[in-house]
Amino acid sequence: MKKYFITGLVILLPVVVTIMIVIFILDFLTKPFMGLVTPLLYKLGFQHINFYVVSPEQVIKYGSQIFILIALFFLILGLGFLARMVIFKFVIHVSDSILHRIPLVNKVYKTTQDVLKTLFAPEKNSFKQVVMVPFPHKGNYSLGLVSLESPETCRQALNSDLYSVFVPTTPNPTTGFLLIYKKEDLIFIDMKVEDAFKYVISCGVITPEKKEATEIPEVKTK
């Protein structure tokens, strides 16, 4: 009985968590615009559409969310297209310069901009390599993700090659420790970042397939 329950829980829990995350993202993206779209759908008579399994209120709600998501998709697509035009590039550059000069706003804007560029720029090497590091002290090892080389001032202070490593916590990998290690203290392993996160989230229950360790690769700087 216990084995059956655990097996069912392992199958059901990821589905439930995924649905909850998707619902949260949908609400986060659509909620600011619901007040504008919902009255429009009422005027168009969407509340009279009968799907038998959903109420008129649900038809309006889900219809509004779908409409907003489609509109956001084409808006983002359009901005991406315009951003590649010379004239619009100039407008973006001017607005970017203005935002960088506004006190307090520039801190939030620049930080968000840097994070998004790091996450989505394909040429970046952030979080591409999994390593084992001595943490929390020598004799114990934790999985870490190599970001980039540490700031220049840190490398000059010790006159050594230093690397920034993010060590995620268990079972919530969105928090962790940002540590700086010498190159010789890092043990580079052949493990995918996704497998490392699965290992951390599952508290070591889900282990990746065994692979041979690779040579220490060169981590490119910005």
N, C-alpha and C. Protein backbone atom coordinates (compact mmCIF):
# COMPACT_ATOMS: atom_id res chain seq x y z
N MET A 1 0.82 -1.20 0.00
CA MET A 1 0.00 0.00 0.00
C MET A 1 0.87 1.27 0.00
N LYS A 2 1.91 1.26 0.85
CA LYS A 2 2.78 2.43 0.95
C LYS A 2 3.52 2.68 -0.36
N LYS A 3 3.99 1.59 -1.01
CA LYS A 3 4.70 1.73 -2.27
C LYS A 3 3.78 2.29 -3.35
N TYR A 4 2.54 1.82 -3.39
CA TYR A 4 1.58 2.31 -4.37
C TYR A 4 1.30 3.80 -4.17
N PHE A 5 1.17 4.19 -2.90
CA PHE A 5 0.88 5.60 -2.59
C PHE A 5 2.04 6.49 -3.02
N ILE A 6 3.28 6.06 -2.72
CA ILE A 6 4.45 6.86 -3.08
C ILE A 6 4.59 6.95 -4.60
N THR A 7 4.34 5.82 -5.28
CA THR A 7 4.42 5.82 -6.74
C THR A 7 3.40 6.78 -7.34
N GLY A 8 2.17 6.74 -6.82
CA GLY A 8 1.15 7.66 -7.30
C GLY A 8 1.49 9.11 -7.01
N LEU A 9 2.09 9.35 -5.84
CA LEU A 9 2.48 10.70 -5.47
C LEU A 9 3.57 11.23 -6.39
N VAL A 10 4.53 10.38 -6.72
CA VAL A 10 5.62 10.78 -7.61
C VAL A 10 5.08 11.14 -8.99
N ILE A 11 4.04 10.42 -9.43
CA ILE A 11 3.45 10.69 -10.74
C ILE A 11 2.59 11.95 -10.71
N LEU A 12 1.81 12.12 -9.65
CA LEU A 12 0.83 13.21 -9.59
C LEU A 12 1.44 14.54 -9.19
N LEU A 13 2.38 14.54 -8.25
CA LEU A 13 2.90 15.79 -7.71
C LEU A 13 3.54 16.69 -8.77
N PRO A 14 4.40 16.17 -9.67
CA PRO A 14 4.97 17.06 -10.70
C PRO A 14 3.91 17.69 -11.59
N VAL A 15 2.84 16.92 -11.87
CA VAL A 15 1.76 17.46 -12.71
C VAL A 15 1.06 18.61 -12.00
N VAL A 16 0.77 18.40 -10.70
CA VAL A 16 0.08 19.43 -9.92
C VAL A 16 0.94 20.68 -9.80
N VAL A 17 2.23 20.50 -9.51
CA VAL A 17 3.13 21.65 -9.38
C VAL A 17 3.23 22.40 -10.69
N THR A 18 3.33 21.66 -11.81
CA THR A 18 3.41 22.29 -13.13
C THR A 18 2.16 23.11 -13.42
N ILE A 19 1.00 22.54 -13.14
CA ILE A 19 -0.27 23.25 -13.37
C ILE A 19 -0.33 24.52 -12.52
N MET A 20 0.08 24.42 -11.25
CA MET A 20 0.05 25.58 -10.36
C MET A 20 0.97 26.69 -10.87
N ILE A 21 2.15 26.31 -11.37
CA ILE A 21 3.09 27.31 -11.88
C ILE A 21 2.55 27.97 -13.14
N VAL A 22 1.96 27.16 -14.03
CA VAL A 22 1.38 27.70 -15.27
C VAL A 22 0.24 28.66 -14.96
N ILE A 23 -0.63 28.28 -14.01
CA ILE A 23 -1.74 29.15 -13.62
C ILE A 23 -1.23 30.46 -13.03
N PHE A 24 -0.18 30.38 -12.20
CA PHE A 24 0.40 31.59 -11.61
C PHE A 24 0.94 32.52 -12.69
N ILE A 25 1.65 31.95 -13.66
CA ILE A 25 2.22 32.76 -14.74
C ILE A 25 1.12 33.40 -15.58
N LEU A 26 0.07 32.62 -15.88
CA LEU A 26 -1.05 33.14 -16.67
C LEU A 26 -1.73 34.30 -15.94
N ASP A 27 -1.99 34.12 -14.65
CA ASP A 27 -2.62 35.19 -13.87
C ASP A 27 -1.73 36.42 -13.79
N PHE A 28 -0.43 36.18 -13.63
CA PHE A 28 0.52 37.30 -13.52
C PHE A 28 0.55 38.13 -14.81
N LEU A 29 0.48 37.46 -15.96
CA LEU A 29 0.56 38.16 -17.24
C LEU A 29 -0.76 38.81 -17.65
N THR A 30 -1.88 38.18 -17.30
CA THR A 30 -3.17 38.64 -17.80
C THR A 30 -3.95 39.53 -16.83
N LYS A 31 -3.70 39.40 -15.53
CA LYS A 31 -4.51 40.11 -14.54
C LYS A 31 -4.52 41.63 -14.74
N PRO A 32 -3.38 42.28 -15.08
CA PRO A 32 -3.42 43.74 -15.25
C PRO A 32 -4.33 44.21 -16.38
N PHE A 33 -4.65 43.32 -17.34
CA PHE A 33 -5.43 43.73 -18.51
C PHE A 33 -6.86 43.19 -18.50
N MET A 34 -7.20 42.40 -17.48
CA MET A 34 -8.53 41.79 -17.43
C MET A 34 -9.63 42.84 -17.39
N GLY A 35 -9.38 43.95 -16.67
CA GLY A 35 -10.39 45.00 -16.56
C GLY A 35 -10.73 45.66 -17.88
N LEU A 36 -9.81 45.60 -18.85
CA LEU A 36 -10.05 46.19 -20.17
C LEU A 36 -10.70 45.20 -21.13
N VAL A 37 -10.29 43.95 -21.07
CA VAL A 37 -10.76 42.96 -22.04
C VAL A 37 -12.10 42.36 -21.66
N THR A 38 -12.32 42.11 -20.37
CA THR A 38 -13.56 41.46 -19.93
C THR A 38 -14.82 42.22 -20.36
N PRO A 39 -14.92 43.56 -20.14
CA PRO A 39 -16.11 44.27 -20.61
C PRO A 39 -16.31 44.18 -22.12
N LEU A 40 -15.19 44.14 -22.86
CA LEU A 40 -15.28 44.03 -24.31
C LEU A 40 -15.92 42.71 -24.73
N LEU A 41 -15.54 41.61 -24.07
CA LEU A 41 -16.12 40.31 -24.40
C LEU A 41 -17.59 40.24 -24.01
N TYR A 42 -17.94 40.92 -22.92
CA TYR A 42 -19.37 40.97 -22.54
C TYR A 42 -20.18 41.69 -23.62
N LYS A 43 -19.62 42.78 -24.16
CA LYS A 43 -20.31 43.53 -25.21
C LYS A 43 -20.45 42.70 -26.48
N LEU A 44 -19.45 41.85 -26.73
CA LEU A 44 -19.49 41.00 -27.92
C LEU A 44 -20.39 39.78 -27.73
N GLY A 45 -20.92 39.58 -26.53
CA GLY A 45 -21.85 38.49 -26.29
C GLY A 45 -21.22 37.14 -26.03
N PHE A 46 -19.98 37.12 -25.56
CA PHE A 46 -19.31 35.84 -25.30
C PHE A 46 -19.96 35.08 -24.14
N GLN A 47 -20.67 35.81 -23.25
CA GLN A 47 -21.28 35.14 -22.11
C GLN A 47 -22.43 34.23 -22.52
N HIS A 48 -22.91 34.39 -23.75
CA HIS A 48 -24.02 33.55 -24.23
C HIS A 48 -23.53 32.25 -24.88
N ILE A 49 -22.21 32.15 -25.03
CA ILE A 49 -21.65 30.92 -25.61
C ILE A 49 -21.73 29.80 -24.57
N ASN A 50 -22.29 28.69 -24.95
CA ASN A 50 -22.51 27.58 -24.02
C ASN A 50 -21.61 26.41 -24.39
N PHE A 51 -20.67 26.09 -23.50
CA PHE A 51 -19.79 24.94 -23.70
C PHE A 51 -20.18 23.78 -22.79
N TYR A 52 -21.28 23.91 -22.05
CA TYR A 52 -21.83 22.88 -21.19
C TYR A 52 -20.95 22.58 -19.97
N VAL A 53 -19.63 22.51 -20.15
CA VAL A 53 -18.75 22.13 -19.04
C VAL A 53 -18.23 23.35 -18.28
N VAL A 54 -18.40 24.55 -18.84
CA VAL A 54 -17.94 25.76 -18.17
C VAL A 54 -19.08 26.76 -18.11
N SER A 55 -19.07 27.58 -17.07
CA SER A 55 -20.10 28.60 -16.89
C SER A 55 -19.80 29.81 -17.77
N PRO A 56 -20.81 30.70 -17.97
CA PRO A 56 -20.56 31.91 -18.76
C PRO A 56 -19.43 32.77 -18.18
N GLU A 57 -19.35 32.83 -16.85
CA GLU A 57 -18.27 33.60 -16.22
C GLU A 57 -16.90 33.03 -16.56
N GLN A 58 -16.81 31.70 -16.57
CA GLN A 58 -15.54 31.05 -16.92
C GLN A 58 -15.20 31.25 -18.39
N VAL A 59 -16.23 31.27 -19.24
CA VAL A 59 -16.00 31.53 -20.66
C VAL A 59 -15.38 32.92 -20.84
N ILE A 60 -15.92 33.90 -20.13
CA ILE A 60 -15.40 35.26 -20.22
C ILE A 60 -13.97 35.33 -19.67
N LYS A 61 -13.74 34.68 -18.53
CA LYS A 61 -12.42 34.72 -17.91
C LYS A 61 -11.37 34.07 -18.80
N TYR A 62 -11.62 32.83 -19.22
CA TYR A 62 -10.64 32.12 -20.04
C TYR A 62 -10.49 32.77 -21.41
N GLY A 63 -11.61 33.27 -21.95
CA GLY A 63 -11.53 33.95 -23.24
C GLY A 63 -10.69 35.21 -23.15
N SER A 64 -10.85 35.94 -22.04
CA SER A 64 -10.04 37.15 -21.84
C SER A 64 -8.56 36.82 -21.73
N GLN A 65 -8.25 35.75 -20.99
CA GLN A 65 -6.85 35.37 -20.84
C GLN A 65 -6.24 34.95 -22.17
N ILE A 66 -6.99 34.20 -22.95
CA ILE A 66 -6.47 33.78 -24.26
C ILE A 66 -6.25 34.98 -25.16
N PHE A 67 -7.22 35.89 -25.17
CA PHE A 67 -7.10 37.09 -25.99
C PHE A 67 -5.89 37.92 -25.57
N ILE A 68 -5.69 38.09 -24.27
CA ILE A 68 -4.56 38.89 -23.76
C ILE A 68 -3.23 38.23 -24.11
N LEU A 69 -3.15 36.91 -23.96
CA LEU A 69 -1.89 36.21 -24.28
C LEU A 69 -1.54 36.33 -25.76
N ILE A 70 -2.56 36.22 -26.62
CA ILE A 70 -2.32 36.38 -28.06
C ILE A 70 -1.85 37.79 -28.37
N ALA A 71 -2.52 38.79 -27.73
CA ALA A 71 -2.13 40.18 -27.94
C ALA A 71 -0.71 40.45 -27.45
N LEU A 72 -0.35 39.89 -26.29
CA LEU A 72 1.00 40.07 -25.76
C LEU A 72 2.04 39.43 -26.68
N PHE A 73 1.70 38.26 -27.23
CA PHE A 73 2.62 37.57 -28.13
C PHE A 73 2.93 38.44 -29.35
N PHE A 74 1.88 38.98 -29.98
CA PHE A 74 2.11 39.80 -31.17
C PHE A 74 2.75 41.14 -30.82
N LEU A 75 2.47 41.66 -29.61
CA LEU A 75 3.11 42.89 -29.18
C LEU A 75 4.61 42.70 -29.02
N ILE A 76 5.00 41.60 -28.35
CA ILE A 76 6.42 41.31 -28.16
C ILE A 76 7.09 41.05 -29.50
N LEU A 77 6.38 40.31 -30.38
CA LEU A 77 6.92 40.03 -31.71
C LEU A 77 7.12 41.33 -32.49
N GLY A 78 6.15 42.22 -32.39
CA GLY A 78 6.26 43.51 -33.08
C GLY A 78 7.38 44.37 -32.55
N LEU A 79 7.55 44.38 -31.22
CA LEU A 79 8.65 45.15 -30.63
C LEU A 79 10.00 44.60 -31.06
N GLY A 80 10.09 43.26 -31.12
CA GLY A 80 11.34 42.66 -31.57
C GLY A 80 11.65 43.00 -33.01
N PHE A 81 10.61 43.07 -33.84
CA PHE A 81 10.81 43.44 -35.26
C PHE A 81 11.23 44.90 -35.38
N LEU A 82 10.52 45.80 -34.65
CA LEU A 82 10.84 47.22 -34.72
C LEU A 82 12.22 47.53 -34.14
N ALA A 83 12.61 46.74 -33.14
CA ALA A 83 13.90 46.98 -32.49
C ALA A 83 15.07 46.80 -33.44
N ARG A 84 14.87 46.08 -34.53
CA ARG A 84 15.93 45.84 -35.49
C ARG A 84 15.96 46.91 -36.59
N MET A 85 15.01 47.81 -36.57
CA MET A 85 15.00 48.91 -37.54
C MET A 85 15.86 50.05 -37.02
N VAL A 86 16.51 50.75 -37.93
CA VAL A 86 17.48 51.79 -37.56
C VAL A 86 16.81 52.90 -36.75
N ILE A 87 15.66 53.39 -37.21
CA ILE A 87 15.00 54.51 -36.52
C ILE A 87 14.57 54.09 -35.13
N PHE A 88 13.98 52.91 -35.03
CA PHE A 88 13.50 52.46 -33.73
C PHE A 88 14.66 52.15 -32.79
N LYS A 89 15.79 51.73 -33.35
CA LYS A 89 16.98 51.50 -32.52
C LYS A 89 17.42 52.79 -31.85
N PHE A 90 17.32 53.89 -32.60
CA PHE A 90 17.70 55.20 -32.04
C PHE A 90 16.75 55.57 -30.90
N VAL A 91 15.44 55.33 -31.07
CA VAL A 91 14.46 55.64 -30.04
C VAL A 91 14.74 54.82 -28.78
N ILE A 92 15.04 53.53 -28.97
CA ILE A 92 15.35 52.66 -27.84
C ILE A 92 16.60 53.13 -27.12
N HIS A 93 17.59 53.54 -27.90
CA HIS A 93 18.85 54.00 -27.31
C HIS A 93 18.62 55.26 -26.46
N VAL A 94 17.80 56.18 -26.96
CA VAL A 94 17.52 57.42 -26.24
C VAL A 94 16.74 57.12 -24.95
N SER A 95 15.69 56.29 -25.07
CA SER A 95 14.90 55.94 -23.88
C SER A 95 15.74 55.18 -22.87
N ASP A 96 16.64 54.33 -23.36
CA ASP A 96 17.53 53.58 -22.47
C ASP A 96 18.46 54.52 -21.72
N SER A 97 18.97 55.53 -22.41
CA SER A 97 19.86 56.50 -21.77
C SER A 97 19.11 57.31 -20.70
N ILE A 98 17.85 57.65 -21.00
CA ILE A 98 17.05 58.43 -20.04
C ILE A 98 16.80 57.61 -18.78
N LEU A 99 16.42 56.34 -18.95
CA LEU A 99 16.13 55.48 -17.80
C LEU A 99 17.38 55.25 -16.95
N HIS A 100 18.54 55.23 -17.59
CA HIS A 100 19.78 55.03 -16.85
C HIS A 100 20.18 56.26 -16.03
N ARG A 101 19.55 57.41 -16.30
CA ARG A 101 19.90 58.65 -15.60
C ARG A 101 18.93 58.98 -14.47
N ILE A 102 17.80 58.27 -14.39
CA ILE A 102 16.82 58.56 -13.35
C ILE A 102 17.24 57.86 -12.06
N PRO A 103 17.40 58.59 -10.97
CA PRO A 103 17.80 57.96 -9.69
C PRO A 103 16.80 56.90 -9.25
N LEU A 104 17.29 55.87 -8.64
CA LEU A 104 16.52 54.73 -8.13
C LEU A 104 15.97 53.87 -9.27
N VAL A 105 15.32 54.53 -10.25
CA VAL A 105 14.79 53.77 -11.39
C VAL A 105 15.92 53.12 -12.16
N ASN A 106 17.06 53.81 -12.28
CA ASN A 106 18.17 53.26 -13.05
C ASN A 106 18.74 52.00 -12.41
N LYS A 107 18.68 51.92 -11.08
CA LYS A 107 19.19 50.73 -10.40
C LYS A 107 18.35 49.50 -10.75
N VAL A 108 17.04 49.66 -10.63
CA VAL A 108 16.12 48.55 -10.94
C VAL A 108 16.19 48.18 -12.41
N TYR A 109 16.17 49.19 -13.28
CA TYR A 109 16.16 48.97 -14.72
C TYR A 109 17.44 48.27 -15.18
N LYS A 110 18.59 48.78 -14.72
CA LYS A 110 19.87 48.19 -15.16
C LYS A 110 20.04 46.77 -14.65
N THR A 111 19.64 46.53 -13.40
CA THR A 111 19.76 45.18 -12.85
C THR A 111 18.89 44.20 -13.62
N THR A 112 17.64 44.59 -13.88
CA THR A 112 16.73 43.73 -14.65
C THR A 112 17.26 43.50 -16.05
N GLN A 113 17.78 44.52 -16.67
CA GLN A 113 18.32 44.43 -18.02
C GLN A 113 19.52 43.47 -18.07
N ASP A 114 20.41 43.58 -17.10
CA ASP A 114 21.58 42.72 -17.07
C ASP A 114 21.20 41.26 -16.85
N VAL A 115 20.23 41.02 -15.96
CA VAL A 115 19.80 39.65 -15.69
C VAL A 115 19.18 39.02 -16.92
N LEU A 116 18.31 39.76 -17.61
CA LEU A 116 17.65 39.22 -18.81
C LEU A 116 18.66 38.97 -19.93
N LYS A 117 19.61 39.87 -20.08
CA LYS A 117 20.64 39.67 -21.11
C LYS A 117 21.48 38.44 -20.81
N THR A 118 21.77 38.23 -19.53
CA THR A 118 22.56 37.07 -19.13
C THR A 118 21.81 35.77 -19.37
N LEU A 119 20.50 35.78 -19.09
CA LEU A 119 19.71 34.56 -19.21
C LEU A 119 19.43 34.18 -20.66
N PHE A 120 19.16 35.20 -21.51
CA PHE A 120 18.67 34.90 -22.85
C PHE A 120 19.70 35.10 -23.96
N ALA A 121 20.81 35.77 -23.69
CA ALA A 121 21.82 35.93 -24.73
C ALA A 121 22.50 34.61 -25.00
N PRO A 122 22.45 34.10 -26.25
CA PRO A 122 23.01 32.78 -26.55
C PRO A 122 24.51 32.70 -26.43
N GLU A 123 25.21 33.85 -26.54
CA GLU A 123 26.67 33.79 -26.51
C GLU A 123 27.22 33.73 -25.10
N LYS A 124 26.35 33.91 -24.09
CA LYS A 124 26.84 33.87 -22.73
C LYS A 124 27.10 32.43 -22.29
N ASN A 125 28.04 32.28 -21.35
CA ASN A 125 28.38 30.96 -20.84
C ASN A 125 27.83 30.73 -19.43
N SER A 126 26.92 31.60 -18.98
CA SER A 126 26.42 31.49 -17.62
C SER A 126 25.65 30.20 -17.43
N PHE A 127 25.94 29.55 -16.31
CA PHE A 127 25.24 28.34 -15.93
C PHE A 127 25.26 27.29 -17.04
N LYS A 128 26.40 27.14 -17.68
CA LYS A 128 26.56 26.12 -18.71
C LYS A 128 27.36 24.93 -18.21
N GLN A 129 28.06 25.10 -17.06
CA GLN A 129 28.96 24.06 -16.58
C GLN A 129 28.67 23.74 -15.12
N VAL A 130 28.59 22.46 -14.84
CA VAL A 130 28.34 21.99 -13.48
C VAL A 130 29.67 21.58 -12.86
N VAL A 131 29.87 21.95 -11.61
CA VAL A 131 31.12 21.63 -10.92
C VAL A 131 30.83 21.10 -9.53
N MET A 132 31.82 20.44 -8.96
CA MET A 132 31.79 20.09 -7.54
C MET A 132 32.75 21.02 -6.83
N VAL A 133 32.28 21.58 -5.71
CA VAL A 133 33.10 22.54 -4.97
C VAL A 133 33.14 22.15 -3.50
N PRO A 134 34.25 22.44 -2.81
CA PRO A 134 34.32 22.17 -1.37
C PRO A 134 33.43 23.14 -0.59
N PHE A 135 32.27 22.67 -0.19
CA PHE A 135 31.29 23.50 0.52
C PHE A 135 30.40 22.61 1.36
N PRO A 136 30.10 22.94 2.60
CA PRO A 136 30.39 24.21 3.30
C PRO A 136 31.81 24.32 3.85
N HIS A 137 32.58 23.21 3.81
CA HIS A 137 33.99 23.30 4.20
C HIS A 137 34.74 22.17 3.52
N LYS A 138 36.05 22.17 3.63
CA LYS A 138 36.87 21.15 2.99
C LYS A 138 36.50 19.77 3.51
N GLY A 139 36.49 18.81 2.60
CA GLY A 139 36.09 17.45 2.96
C GLY A 139 34.65 17.15 2.57
N ASN A 140 33.84 18.20 2.35
CA ASN A 140 32.47 18.06 1.86
C ASN A 140 32.37 18.74 0.50
N TYR A 141 31.52 18.17 -0.36
CA TYR A 141 31.38 18.73 -1.70
C TYR A 141 29.91 18.99 -2.02
N SER A 142 29.68 20.07 -2.76
CA SER A 142 28.35 20.42 -3.22
C SER A 142 28.39 20.68 -4.72
N LEU A 143 27.23 20.50 -5.36
CA LEU A 143 27.14 20.82 -6.78
C LEU A 143 27.00 22.33 -6.94
N GLY A 144 27.70 22.87 -7.91
CA GLY A 144 27.63 24.30 -8.19
C GLY A 144 27.55 24.55 -9.68
N LEU A 145 27.14 25.75 -10.05
CA LEU A 145 27.03 26.16 -11.44
C LEU A 145 27.97 27.33 -11.68
N VAL A 146 28.85 27.17 -12.63
CA VAL A 146 29.82 28.22 -12.93
C VAL A 146 29.12 29.35 -13.69
N SER A 147 29.28 30.58 -13.20
CA SER A 147 28.73 31.73 -13.91
C SER A 147 29.77 32.21 -14.91
N LEU A 148 30.61 33.10 -14.46
CA LEU A 148 31.71 33.61 -15.27
C LEU A 148 32.92 33.78 -14.36
N GLU A 149 33.98 34.33 -14.89
CA GLU A 149 35.11 34.66 -14.03
C GLU A 149 34.68 35.73 -13.04
N SER A 150 35.29 35.71 -11.87
CA SER A 150 34.94 36.69 -10.83
C SER A 150 35.33 38.09 -11.28
N PRO A 151 34.83 39.12 -10.60
CA PRO A 151 35.22 40.50 -10.96
C PRO A 151 36.73 40.70 -10.97
N GLU A 152 37.18 41.60 -11.80
CA GLU A 152 38.61 41.84 -11.96
C GLU A 152 39.28 42.21 -10.65
N THR A 153 38.59 42.99 -9.82
CA THR A 153 39.18 43.41 -8.55
C THR A 153 39.45 42.22 -7.63
N CYS A 154 38.57 41.22 -7.68
CA CYS A 154 38.77 40.02 -6.87
C CYS A 154 39.98 39.24 -7.35
N ARG A 155 40.13 39.12 -8.66
CA ARG A 155 41.27 38.37 -9.21
C ARG A 155 42.59 39.09 -8.91
N GLN A 156 42.56 40.41 -8.97
CA GLN A 156 43.78 41.17 -8.69
C GLN A 156 44.15 41.09 -7.21
N ALA A 157 43.15 41.01 -6.34
CA ALA A 157 43.43 40.97 -4.90
C ALA A 157 44.21 39.73 -4.51
N LEU A 158 43.90 38.59 -5.16
CA LEU A 158 44.60 37.33 -4.85
C LEU A 158 45.60 36.94 -5.93
N ASN A 159 45.64 37.72 -7.01
CA ASN A 159 46.55 37.43 -8.11
C ASN A 159 46.39 35.98 -8.57
N SER A 160 45.13 35.60 -8.83
CA SER A 160 44.84 34.22 -9.19
C SER A 160 43.58 34.17 -10.05
N ASP A 161 43.43 33.08 -10.80
CA ASP A 161 42.22 32.88 -11.58
C ASP A 161 41.08 32.49 -10.64
N LEU A 162 40.06 33.31 -10.58
CA LEU A 162 38.93 33.07 -9.70
C LEU A 162 37.65 32.97 -10.51
N TYR A 163 36.73 32.12 -10.06
CA TYR A 163 35.47 31.92 -10.78
C TYR A 163 34.30 32.06 -9.83
N SER A 164 33.24 32.68 -10.32
CA SER A 164 32.00 32.82 -9.55
C SER A 164 31.16 31.56 -9.73
N VAL A 165 30.76 30.97 -8.62
CA VAL A 165 30.00 29.72 -8.64
C VAL A 165 28.74 29.89 -7.81
N PHE A 166 27.61 29.52 -8.40
CA PHE A 166 26.34 29.55 -7.67
C PHE A 166 26.06 28.15 -7.14
N VAL A 167 25.92 28.03 -5.82
CA VAL A 167 25.61 26.76 -5.17
C VAL A 167 24.14 26.79 -4.74
N PRO A 168 23.24 26.09 -5.43
CA PRO A 168 21.82 26.13 -5.08
C PRO A 168 21.53 25.33 -3.82
N THR A 169 20.49 25.74 -3.10
CA THR A 169 20.08 25.05 -1.89
C THR A 169 19.02 24.00 -2.20
N THR A 170 18.87 23.05 -1.30
CA THR A 170 17.91 21.96 -1.43
C THR A 170 16.74 22.19 -0.47
N PRO A 171 15.48 21.98 -0.89
CA PRO A 171 15.03 21.55 -2.22
C PRO A 171 14.64 22.71 -3.12
N ASN A 172 14.93 23.95 -2.70
CA ASN A 172 14.56 25.13 -3.48
C ASN A 172 15.80 25.71 -4.15
N PRO A 173 16.04 25.41 -5.43
CA PRO A 173 17.27 25.85 -6.08
C PRO A 173 17.25 27.31 -6.52
N THR A 174 16.12 28.01 -6.28
CA THR A 174 16.09 29.43 -6.64
C THR A 174 16.85 30.28 -5.63
N THR A 175 17.20 29.69 -4.49
CA THR A 175 18.05 30.38 -3.52
C THR A 175 19.35 29.60 -3.38
N GLY A 176 20.37 30.26 -2.91
CA GLY A 176 21.65 29.58 -2.77
C GLY A 176 22.74 30.54 -2.35
N PHE A 177 23.97 30.17 -2.66
CA PHE A 177 25.14 30.95 -2.26
C PHE A 177 25.99 31.27 -3.48
N LEU A 178 26.41 32.51 -3.58
CA LEU A 178 27.34 32.92 -4.63
C LEU A 178 28.73 32.91 -4.03
N LEU A 179 29.55 31.97 -4.50
CA LEU A 179 30.88 31.78 -3.93
C LEU A 179 31.95 32.00 -5.00
N ILE A 180 33.14 32.36 -4.55
CA ILE A 180 34.27 32.58 -5.45
C ILE A 180 35.35 31.56 -5.14
N TYR A 181 35.77 30.82 -6.17
CA TYR A 181 36.76 29.75 -5.98
C TYR A 181 37.95 29.95 -6.93
N LYS A 182 39.09 29.45 -6.49
CA LYS A 182 40.22 29.34 -7.40
C LYS A 182 39.97 28.22 -8.39
N LYS A 183 40.57 28.32 -9.55
CA LYS A 183 40.33 27.35 -10.61
C LYS A 183 40.71 25.94 -10.16
N GLU A 184 41.79 25.83 -9.40
CA GLU A 184 42.24 24.49 -8.98
C GLU A 184 41.32 23.85 -7.95
N ASP A 185 40.44 24.64 -7.35
CA ASP A 185 39.50 24.09 -6.36
C ASP A 185 38.23 23.55 -6.99
N LEU A 186 38.03 23.82 -8.28
CA LEU A 186 36.82 23.37 -8.97
C LEU A 186 37.04 22.01 -9.61
N ILE A 187 36.06 21.13 -9.44
CA ILE A 187 36.08 19.82 -10.10
C ILE A 187 34.98 19.84 -11.16
N PHE A 188 35.36 20.01 -12.42
CA PHE A 188 34.39 20.06 -13.50
C PHE A 188 33.90 18.65 -13.83
N ILE A 189 32.60 18.47 -13.89
CA ILE A 189 32.03 17.16 -14.17
C ILE A 189 31.11 17.24 -15.39
N ASP A 190 30.94 16.11 -16.04
CA ASP A 190 30.11 16.04 -17.25
C ASP A 190 28.66 15.77 -16.82
N MET A 191 27.97 16.80 -16.42
CA MET A 191 26.58 16.70 -16.00
C MET A 191 25.81 17.88 -16.57
N LYS A 192 24.61 17.64 -17.08
CA LYS A 192 23.78 18.71 -17.60
C LYS A 192 23.26 19.56 -16.45
N VAL A 193 23.02 20.84 -16.74
CA VAL A 193 22.48 21.74 -15.72
C VAL A 193 21.11 21.26 -15.26
N GLU A 194 20.30 20.75 -16.20
CA GLU A 194 18.98 20.25 -15.84
C GLU A 194 19.07 19.09 -14.87
N ASP A 195 20.04 18.19 -15.11
CA ASP A 195 20.22 17.05 -14.21
C ASP A 195 20.69 17.49 -12.83
N ALA A 196 21.51 18.53 -12.79
CA ALA A 196 21.98 19.05 -11.50
C ALA A 196 20.81 19.61 -10.70
N PHE A 197 19.91 20.34 -11.36
CA PHE A 197 18.75 20.89 -10.68
C PHE A 197 17.82 19.78 -10.19
N LYS A 198 17.64 18.73 -11.00
CA LYS A 198 16.81 17.60 -10.58
C LYS A 198 17.40 16.94 -9.33
N TYR A 199 18.70 16.81 -9.32
CA TYR A 199 19.38 16.19 -8.18
C TYR A 199 19.19 17.02 -6.92
N VAL A 200 19.29 18.36 -7.07
CA VAL A 200 19.14 19.25 -5.92
C VAL A 200 17.69 19.27 -5.43
N ILE A 201 16.75 19.40 -6.36
CA ILE A 201 15.33 19.50 -5.99
C ILE A 201 14.85 18.22 -5.30
N SER A 202 15.34 17.06 -5.79
CA SER A 202 14.89 15.78 -5.22
C SER A 202 15.65 15.39 -3.97
N CYS A 203 16.51 16.29 -3.47
CA CYS A 203 17.33 15.99 -2.28
C CYS A 203 18.22 14.77 -2.50
N GLY A 204 18.71 14.60 -3.71
CA GLY A 204 19.62 13.51 -4.01
C GLY A 204 18.96 12.21 -4.39
N VAL A 205 17.61 12.20 -4.45
CA VAL A 205 16.91 10.96 -4.79
C VAL A 205 17.03 10.65 -6.27
N ILE A 206 16.90 11.67 -7.12
CA ILE A 206 17.02 11.50 -8.57
C ILE A 206 18.46 11.78 -8.96
N THR A 207 19.16 10.74 -9.40
CA THR A 207 20.56 10.89 -9.77
C THR A 207 20.71 10.77 -11.27
N PRO A 208 21.56 11.60 -11.88
CA PRO A 208 21.79 11.53 -13.33
C PRO A 208 22.59 10.30 -13.70
N GLU A 209 22.59 9.98 -14.98
CA GLU A 209 23.35 8.84 -15.46
C GLU A 209 24.83 9.07 -15.24
N LYS A 210 25.55 8.00 -14.99
CA LYS A 210 26.98 8.11 -14.74
C LYS A 210 27.72 8.45 -16.02
N LYS A 211 28.60 9.43 -15.94
CA LYS A 211 29.42 9.83 -17.07
C LYS A 211 30.84 10.07 -16.59
N GLU A 212 31.77 9.95 -17.53
CA GLU A 212 33.16 10.19 -17.17
C GLU A 212 33.41 11.67 -17.00
N ALA A 213 34.26 12.02 -16.04
CA ALA A 213 34.60 13.42 -15.80
C ALA A 213 35.37 13.98 -16.98
N THR A 214 35.17 15.23 -17.28
CA THR A 214 35.83 15.86 -18.41
C THR A 214 36.97 16.74 -17.92
N GLU A 215 37.78 17.18 -18.88
CA GLU A 215 38.86 18.10 -18.55
C GLU A 215 38.27 19.46 -18.17
N ILE A 216 39.01 20.22 -17.40
CA ILE A 216 38.54 21.55 -16.99
C ILE A 216 38.50 22.45 -18.22
N PRO A 217 37.29 22.92 -18.60
CA PRO A 217 37.20 23.79 -19.78
C PRO A 217 37.55 25.21 -19.44
N GLU A 218 37.79 25.97 -20.49
CA GLU A 218 38.07 27.38 -20.30
C GLU A 218 36.77 28.13 -20.22
N VAL A 219 36.60 28.96 -19.22
CA VAL A 219 35.41 29.77 -19.07
C VAL A 219 35.70 31.15 -19.61
N LYS A 220 34.95 31.55 -20.63
CA LYS A 220 35.18 32.83 -21.28
C LYS A 220 34.67 33.97 -20.43
N THR A 221 35.37 35.05 -20.46
CA THR A 221 34.92 36.24 -19.75
C THR A 221 34.06 37.07 -20.67
N LYS A 222 33.41 38.09 -20.07
CA LYS A 222 32.56 38.98 -20.87
C LYS A 222 33.39 39.75 -21.88
